[in-house]
Amino acid sequence: GKAVQHGLDKLGLSTIEKVRIGKMIQLTVDATDEVNAKEQVNKACEELLVNKIMEQYEFTLSQLGT
């Protein structure tokens, strides 16, 4: 939220305050099984999607019909 607040200030939108950011990210994963899917999602979260200093994450898996 703070980074977005700073960006809004730079855009001249300083009247917008108390910025909160919520995230839901949906991924489609091609995996051989549930364990492999969990490993891929964890790696994506840990290495790219989540700032572990400030954020927590959780995920659920759903199998897509063919």
N, C-alpha and C. Protein backbone atom coordinates (compact mmCIF):
# COMPACT_ATOMS: atom_id res chain seq x y z
N GLY A 1 0.80 -1.19 0.00
CA GLY A 1 0.00 0.00 0.00
C GLY A 1 0.85 1.26 0.00
N LYS A 2 1.97 1.23 0.74
CA LYS A 2 2.81 2.43 0.84
C LYS A 2 3.42 2.79 -0.51
N ALA A 3 3.86 1.79 -1.26
CA ALA A 3 4.44 2.07 -2.58
C ALA A 3 3.39 2.66 -3.51
N VAL A 4 2.18 2.14 -3.46
CA VAL A 4 1.10 2.67 -4.28
C VAL A 4 0.75 4.08 -3.84
N GLN A 5 0.70 4.30 -2.53
CA GLN A 5 0.43 5.64 -2.01
C GLN A 5 1.47 6.63 -2.53
N HIS A 6 2.73 6.25 -2.50
CA HIS A 6 3.80 7.11 -3.00
C HIS A 6 3.60 7.39 -4.50
N GLY A 7 3.26 6.35 -5.25
CA GLY A 7 3.01 6.53 -6.68
C GLY A 7 1.84 7.46 -6.95
N LEU A 8 0.78 7.34 -6.15
CA LEU A 8 -0.36 8.23 -6.31
C LEU A 8 0.03 9.68 -6.02
N ASP A 9 0.84 9.87 -4.99
CA ASP A 9 1.32 11.21 -4.66
C ASP A 9 2.10 11.81 -5.84
N LYS A 10 2.95 11.00 -6.46
CA LYS A 10 3.74 11.47 -7.61
C LYS A 10 2.85 11.82 -8.80
N LEU A 11 1.69 11.17 -8.89
CA LEU A 11 0.74 11.46 -9.97
C LEU A 11 -0.14 12.66 -9.65
N GLY A 12 0.07 13.27 -8.50
CA GLY A 12 -0.75 14.41 -8.12
C GLY A 12 -2.07 14.01 -7.49
N LEU A 13 -2.17 12.78 -7.03
CA LEU A 13 -3.41 12.28 -6.43
C LEU A 13 -3.25 12.13 -4.93
N SER A 14 -2.71 13.14 -4.30
CA SER A 14 -2.43 13.06 -2.86
C SER A 14 -3.69 13.09 -2.01
N THR A 15 -4.84 13.35 -2.61
CA THR A 15 -6.10 13.31 -1.85
C THR A 15 -6.58 11.88 -1.63
N ILE A 16 -5.98 10.93 -2.32
CA ILE A 16 -6.30 9.51 -2.09
C ILE A 16 -5.39 9.03 -0.98
N GLU A 17 -5.97 8.51 0.09
CA GLU A 17 -5.16 8.08 1.23
C GLU A 17 -5.66 6.74 1.75
N LYS A 18 -4.91 6.19 2.69
CA LYS A 18 -5.21 4.90 3.30
C LYS A 18 -5.36 3.81 2.24
N VAL A 19 -4.35 3.66 1.44
CA VAL A 19 -4.36 2.67 0.37
C VAL A 19 -4.10 1.29 0.96
N ARG A 20 -4.93 0.34 0.62
CA ARG A 20 -4.72 -1.06 0.99
C ARG A 20 -4.77 -1.89 -0.28
N ILE A 21 -3.86 -2.81 -0.38
CA ILE A 21 -3.79 -3.67 -1.56
C ILE A 21 -4.11 -5.09 -1.14
N GLY A 22 -5.03 -5.71 -1.82
CA GLY A 22 -5.32 -7.12 -1.60
C GLY A 22 -5.03 -7.87 -2.90
N LYS A 23 -4.57 -9.08 -2.78
CA LYS A 23 -4.17 -9.82 -3.97
C LYS A 23 -4.81 -11.19 -4.00
N MET A 24 -5.33 -11.51 -5.12
CA MET A 24 -5.70 -12.89 -5.41
C MET A 24 -5.13 -13.17 -6.79
N ILE A 25 -4.34 -14.17 -6.87
CA ILE A 25 -3.71 -14.53 -8.13
C ILE A 25 -4.19 -15.92 -8.50
N GLN A 26 -4.65 -16.06 -9.71
CA GLN A 26 -5.12 -17.36 -10.19
C GLN A 26 -4.14 -17.87 -11.23
N LEU A 27 -3.68 -19.10 -11.04
CA LEU A 27 -2.73 -19.72 -11.95
C LEU A 27 -3.33 -21.00 -12.52
N THR A 28 -3.00 -21.30 -13.73
CA THR A 28 -3.29 -22.61 -14.30
C THR A 28 -1.95 -23.32 -14.43
N VAL A 29 -1.84 -24.49 -13.80
CA VAL A 29 -0.57 -25.20 -13.73
C VAL A 29 -0.70 -26.54 -14.44
N ASP A 30 0.22 -26.82 -15.33
CA ASP A 30 0.28 -28.12 -15.99
C ASP A 30 1.21 -28.99 -15.16
N ALA A 31 0.64 -29.92 -14.41
CA ALA A 31 1.42 -30.74 -13.49
C ALA A 31 1.04 -32.20 -13.64
N THR A 32 2.00 -33.06 -13.30
CA THR A 32 1.75 -34.50 -13.41
C THR A 32 0.87 -35.01 -12.29
N ASP A 33 0.91 -34.35 -11.12
CA ASP A 33 0.09 -34.75 -9.98
C ASP A 33 -0.02 -33.59 -8.99
N GLU A 34 -0.76 -33.79 -7.91
CA GLU A 34 -1.00 -32.74 -6.93
C GLU A 34 0.29 -32.28 -6.25
N VAL A 35 1.16 -33.21 -5.94
CA VAL A 35 2.43 -32.85 -5.29
C VAL A 35 3.25 -31.93 -6.19
N ASN A 36 3.32 -32.27 -7.47
CA ASN A 36 4.06 -31.46 -8.43
C ASN A 36 3.42 -30.08 -8.57
N ALA A 37 2.11 -30.01 -8.60
CA ALA A 37 1.41 -28.72 -8.70
C ALA A 37 1.73 -27.86 -7.49
N LYS A 38 1.69 -28.44 -6.28
CA LYS A 38 2.01 -27.69 -5.07
C LYS A 38 3.43 -27.16 -5.10
N GLU A 39 4.36 -27.99 -5.57
CA GLU A 39 5.76 -27.57 -5.65
C GLU A 39 5.92 -26.37 -6.59
N GLN A 40 5.25 -26.43 -7.73
CA GLN A 40 5.34 -25.35 -8.70
C GLN A 40 4.75 -24.05 -8.16
N VAL A 41 3.59 -24.14 -7.50
CA VAL A 41 2.94 -22.95 -6.97
C VAL A 41 3.77 -22.36 -5.83
N ASN A 42 4.28 -23.21 -4.94
CA ASN A 42 5.14 -22.72 -3.87
C ASN A 42 6.36 -21.99 -4.41
N LYS A 43 7.00 -22.55 -5.42
CA LYS A 43 8.18 -21.92 -6.00
C LYS A 43 7.82 -20.57 -6.60
N ALA A 44 6.70 -20.49 -7.31
CA ALA A 44 6.27 -19.22 -7.90
C ALA A 44 6.03 -18.17 -6.81
N CYS A 45 5.38 -18.58 -5.74
CA CYS A 45 5.12 -17.65 -4.63
C CYS A 45 6.39 -17.22 -3.94
N GLU A 46 7.22 -18.17 -3.58
CA GLU A 46 8.43 -17.89 -2.82
C GLU A 46 9.45 -17.06 -3.60
N GLU A 47 9.54 -17.31 -4.90
CA GLU A 47 10.60 -16.68 -5.68
C GLU A 47 10.17 -15.47 -6.48
N LEU A 48 8.85 -15.27 -6.64
CA LEU A 48 8.42 -14.17 -7.49
C LEU A 48 7.22 -13.39 -6.95
N LEU A 49 6.18 -14.07 -6.56
CA LEU A 49 4.90 -13.40 -6.32
C LEU A 49 4.74 -12.75 -4.95
N VAL A 50 5.44 -13.23 -3.94
CA VAL A 50 5.19 -12.80 -2.57
C VAL A 50 6.41 -12.07 -2.00
N ASN A 51 6.16 -10.94 -1.38
CA ASN A 51 7.19 -10.26 -0.59
C ASN A 51 7.07 -10.84 0.81
N LYS A 52 7.91 -11.81 1.14
CA LYS A 52 7.77 -12.55 2.39
C LYS A 52 8.01 -11.70 3.64
N ILE A 53 8.61 -10.54 3.49
CA ILE A 53 8.81 -9.65 4.63
C ILE A 53 7.48 -9.04 5.07
N MET A 54 6.62 -8.75 4.11
CA MET A 54 5.38 -8.04 4.40
C MET A 54 4.12 -8.84 4.14
N GLU A 55 4.22 -9.95 3.44
CA GLU A 55 3.03 -10.67 2.99
C GLU A 55 3.07 -12.13 3.41
N GLN A 56 1.91 -12.69 3.55
CA GLN A 56 1.75 -14.12 3.74
C GLN A 56 0.93 -14.63 2.56
N TYR A 57 0.98 -15.92 2.32
CA TYR A 57 0.17 -16.45 1.23
C TYR A 57 -0.36 -17.82 1.61
N GLU A 58 -1.40 -18.16 0.91
CA GLU A 58 -1.96 -19.52 0.98
C GLU A 58 -2.57 -19.79 -0.38
N PHE A 59 -2.75 -21.06 -0.67
CA PHE A 59 -3.35 -21.40 -1.95
C PHE A 59 -4.18 -22.66 -1.83
N THR A 60 -5.08 -22.80 -2.78
CA THR A 60 -5.86 -24.02 -2.90
C THR A 60 -5.71 -24.50 -4.34
N LEU A 61 -5.83 -25.78 -4.51
CA LEU A 61 -5.74 -26.38 -5.83
C LEU A 61 -7.11 -26.91 -6.24
N SER A 62 -7.42 -26.74 -7.50
CA SER A 62 -8.63 -27.31 -8.08
C SER A 62 -8.25 -27.95 -9.40
N GLN A 63 -8.77 -29.12 -9.64
CA GLN A 63 -8.47 -29.80 -10.89
C GLN A 63 -9.46 -29.32 -11.94
N LEU A 64 -8.92 -28.92 -13.08
CA LEU A 64 -9.77 -28.47 -14.18
C LEU A 64 -10.29 -29.66 -14.94
N GLY A 65 -11.53 -29.59 -15.38
CA GLY A 65 -12.10 -30.64 -16.22
C GLY A 65 -11.55 -30.57 -17.62
N THR A 66 -11.50 -31.68 -18.28
CA THR A 66 -10.96 -31.68 -19.65
C THR A 66 -12.06 -31.78 -20.66
